[in-house]
Protein backbone atom coordinates (compact mmCIF):
# COMPACT_ATOMS: atom_id res chain seq x y z
CA MET A 1 -66.05 78.61 -53.61
CA GLY A 2 -65.45 75.27 -52.04
CA ASP A 3 -63.31 73.64 -54.04
CA ARG A 4 -60.29 73.62 -51.47
CA LEU A 5 -60.89 71.02 -47.89
CA ALA A 6 -58.72 72.35 -44.36
CA PHE A 7 -57.67 69.18 -42.37
CA THR A 8 -56.17 68.32 -38.89
CA GLY A 9 -53.47 66.03 -39.68
CA ASN A 10 -50.43 65.02 -38.19
CA LYS A 11 -48.16 62.86 -41.28
CA HIS A 12 -46.64 60.85 -38.17
CA PRO A 13 -47.29 57.59 -37.98
CA LEU A 14 -49.81 57.21 -34.36
CA PRO A 15 -48.14 55.84 -31.81
CA PRO A 16 -50.15 52.59 -29.50
CA ILE A 17 -52.18 54.52 -27.58
CA LEU A 18 -50.84 52.50 -24.52
CA ASP A 19 -47.73 54.95 -24.80
CA LYS A 20 -49.24 57.45 -23.12
CA ASP A 21 -46.43 59.88 -23.85
CA LEU A 22 -45.75 59.00 -27.15
CA HIS A 23 -49.27 59.25 -27.47
CA ASN A 24 -49.15 62.96 -26.48
CA ALA A 25 -46.03 63.50 -28.56
CA TRP A 26 -47.67 62.18 -31.23
CA LYS A 27 -50.42 64.74 -30.84
CA ALA A 28 -48.58 67.44 -29.44
CA LYS A 29 -47.81 67.34 -33.90
CA GLN A 30 -51.02 67.80 -35.39
CA THR A 31 -51.77 70.92 -37.47
CA ILE A 32 -53.79 72.18 -39.85
CA TYR A 33 -53.59 71.26 -43.60
CA ILE A 34 -55.58 72.73 -46.82
CA VAL A 35 -55.48 70.61 -50.39
CA ASN A 36 -57.49 71.02 -53.63
CA ARG A 37 -60.98 68.78 -53.12
CA ASP A 38 -59.18 66.52 -56.15
CA GLY A 39 -56.23 65.46 -53.49
CA SER A 40 -53.79 67.84 -55.79
CA GLY A 41 -51.88 70.95 -53.99
CA LEU A 42 -51.66 69.97 -50.68
CA LYS A 43 -49.96 71.99 -47.96
CA GLN A 44 -49.43 72.51 -44.51
CA LEU A 45 -50.51 75.88 -43.17
CA ILE A 46 -49.38 75.56 -39.44
CA ASP A 47 -45.81 74.61 -37.76
CA GLU A 48 -45.92 71.75 -35.88
CA ALA A 49 -43.43 72.60 -33.98
CA GLY A 50 -45.65 74.39 -31.55
CA PRO A 51 -49.03 74.04 -29.91
CA TYR A 52 -50.57 72.03 -31.62
CA ALA A 53 -53.82 72.76 -33.88
CA GLN A 54 -57.33 71.60 -34.57
CA TYR A 55 -60.96 72.41 -35.61
CA PRO A 56 -60.07 74.39 -38.52
CA ALA A 57 -62.56 75.97 -40.63
CA LEU A 58 -62.43 77.69 -44.51
CA SER A 59 -64.13 80.66 -44.75
CA PRO A 60 -66.67 80.86 -47.56
CA HIS A 61 -65.06 82.55 -50.29
CA GLY A 62 -62.06 80.32 -49.43
CA GLU A 63 -60.02 83.08 -48.41
CA GLU A 64 -59.19 82.80 -44.72
CA VAL A 65 -59.63 79.78 -42.09
CA LEU A 66 -60.05 79.41 -38.81
CA TYR A 67 -58.40 77.07 -36.10
CA THR A 68 -58.12 76.54 -32.33
CA GLN A 69 -54.33 76.16 -31.00
CA LYS A 70 -53.16 75.72 -27.28
CA ILE A 71 -51.98 79.07 -26.24
CA ASN A 72 -50.53 78.95 -22.70
CA GLY A 73 -52.23 75.84 -21.61
CA ASP A 74 -55.99 77.41 -22.97
CA PHE A 75 -57.84 76.98 -26.52
CA GLN A 76 -57.45 80.12 -28.79
CA ILE A 77 -59.15 80.76 -31.86
CA PHE A 78 -57.30 81.70 -34.39
CA LYS A 79 -58.47 83.39 -37.86
CA LEU A 80 -55.45 82.62 -40.91
CA ASN A 81 -55.48 84.52 -44.06
CA LEU A 82 -54.40 82.13 -47.26
CA ASN A 83 -53.54 84.77 -49.31
CA SER A 84 -50.91 87.12 -47.23
CA GLY A 85 -50.51 84.53 -44.43
CA VAL A 86 -51.54 86.83 -41.32
CA ARG A 87 -52.61 85.14 -38.98
CA THR A 88 -54.70 86.80 -35.71
CA GLN A 89 -55.94 85.37 -32.77
CA LEU A 90 -59.45 86.20 -32.34
CA THR A 91 -60.02 84.82 -28.67
CA HIS A 92 -58.08 86.32 -25.48
CA ILE A 93 -60.33 83.91 -22.94
CA SER A 94 -59.42 80.47 -21.49
CA TRP A 95 -61.33 77.46 -23.29
CA ASN A 96 -62.39 78.20 -26.49
CA THR A 97 -63.09 75.62 -28.93
CA GLY A 98 -63.61 75.97 -32.54
CA GLY A 99 -65.47 79.04 -34.93
CA ASP A 100 -67.29 78.69 -38.47
CA TRP A 101 -68.30 80.84 -40.51
CA PHE A 102 -71.81 81.96 -41.70
CA ASP A 103 -72.70 83.38 -44.94
CA PRO A 104 -74.43 86.33 -44.23
CA ALA A 105 -77.14 86.25 -46.45
CA TYR A 106 -78.51 83.63 -44.35
CA ALA A 107 -78.53 85.16 -41.61
CA LEU A 108 -81.98 85.19 -39.24
CA PRO A 109 -82.82 89.08 -38.04
CA VAL A 110 -82.28 89.45 -34.25
CA SER A 111 -84.03 92.64 -33.81
CA PRO A 112 -87.61 91.76 -32.02
CA GLN A 113 -90.19 90.50 -34.35
CA PRO A 114 -93.19 90.52 -32.14
CA GLN A 115 -95.57 89.29 -34.81
CA LEU A 116 -94.40 86.52 -34.18
CA LEU A 117 -94.76 85.58 -30.56
CA SER A 118 -97.58 82.76 -30.17
CA THR A 119 -98.32 84.33 -26.39
CA VAL A 120 -99.40 88.05 -25.34
CA TRP A 121 -98.65 88.12 -21.28
CA ALA A 122 -101.61 91.14 -21.66
CA LYS A 123 -104.17 89.13 -23.20
CA ILE A 124 -102.88 85.70 -20.44
CA LYS A 125 -103.41 88.09 -17.61
CA LYS A 126 -106.84 89.28 -18.81
CA LYS A 127 -108.08 85.46 -18.90
């Protein structure tokens, strides 16, 4: 765990910002890579021929990557299993911008905990 990094990149030289068409063509080739922390083992995960991909998040166990990719004009979140290569689209609504992982061992409870409330309305109403 923690021995690899996922990042957004483009292997082509950045064109002048002033040339909007060239800059948009360059951005369209933006994709997701993974590399070992020591810089070895660079691997392109998403084909640059498709819509550009961004915002990668490597899972805590290092076996999956979440990323955002533009599909039919909207950004969608995908999960890629690094072992099997299976890609799963997780969202199907418009304009999603990245996802993230969490460790269930550190998750906070979501059930109501009245002992943590600082004000109880019944006490205020009596005053």
